[in-house]
Protein backbone atom coordinates (compact mmCIF):
# COMPACT_ATOMS: atom_id res chain seq x y z
CA MET A 1 0.00 0.00 0.00
CA ASN A 2 1.04 3.61 -0.38
CA HIS A 3 0.41 6.66 1.82
CA ARG A 4 1.90 10.05 0.91
CA GLY A 5 4.50 8.38 -1.26
CA VAL A 6 5.57 5.92 1.45
CA GLU A 7 5.13 2.23 0.75
CA PHE A 8 3.89 0.22 3.73
CA THR A 9 2.65 -3.24 4.56
CA VAL A 10 0.14 -4.48 7.13
CA ALA A 11 -0.22 -8.20 7.75
CA LYS A 12 -2.08 -10.47 10.17
CA THR A 13 0.00 -12.36 12.69
CA ALA A 14 -0.66 -15.80 14.14
CA ILE A 15 -2.26 -14.06 17.13
CA PRO A 16 -5.87 -13.07 16.40
CA GLY A 17 -6.42 -9.32 16.42
CA VAL A 18 -2.72 -8.44 16.13
CA TRP A 19 -1.34 -6.88 12.97
CA GLN A 20 2.30 -6.39 12.01
CA TRP A 21 3.27 -3.34 9.97
CA GLN A 22 6.35 -1.99 8.24
CA PHE A 23 7.30 1.09 6.24
CA ARG A 24 10.44 2.77 4.98
CA ILE A 25 11.29 6.46 4.82
CA GLY A 26 14.69 7.04 3.27
CA ASP A 27 17.16 4.67 4.90
CA GLN A 28 15.02 4.13 8.01
CA ILE A 29 12.77 1.09 8.27
CA LYS A 30 10.05 1.29 10.90
CA THR A 31 8.26 -1.83 12.11
CA GLY A 32 5.71 -2.56 14.78
CA LYS A 33 2.51 -4.22 15.81
CA THR A 34 -0.98 -2.93 16.47
CA GLU A 35 -3.88 -4.64 18.15
CA THR A 36 -7.34 -4.40 16.58
CA LYS A 37 -9.90 -6.74 15.10
CA ILE A 38 -10.61 -4.39 12.18
CA ASP A 39 -8.15 -4.44 9.27
CA LEU A 40 -9.00 -0.92 8.12
CA LEU A 41 -8.24 0.44 11.58
CA ALA A 42 -4.84 -1.24 11.53
CA ILE A 43 -4.14 0.40 8.15
CA ARG A 44 -5.27 3.80 9.44
CA ARG A 45 -2.99 3.53 12.46
CA VAL A 46 0.00 2.90 10.21
CA GLN A 47 -0.97 5.88 8.04
CA LEU A 48 -1.09 8.09 11.13
CA ARG A 49 2.35 6.81 12.18
CA ILE A 50 3.71 7.66 8.73
CA ASP A 51 2.23 11.16 9.04
CA ARG A 52 3.98 11.63 12.41
CA GLU A 53 7.32 10.47 11.02
CA LEU A 54 7.06 12.74 7.97
CA LYS A 55 6.15 15.70 10.18
CA ALA A 56 9.14 15.00 12.47
CA ILE A 57 11.47 14.89 9.47
CA GLU A 58 9.97 18.14 8.16
CA ARG A 59 10.61 19.85 11.52
CA LYS A 60 14.24 18.68 11.57
CA THR A 61 14.93 20.03 8.09
CA ALA A 62 13.15 23.35 8.61
């Protein structure tokens, strides 16, 4: 999937209701897990995390 030019993945784990995610911005790879039963909510949480990371990078370069 793609959000603001950042490719990311969200996948179910063996544990019900737990999703594993990963995205890359530049040379940094961010990974983590989120807990929800709804797949669209897991995706939205990753998109919000990407937004936070992009905003932090923008602040550092400004």
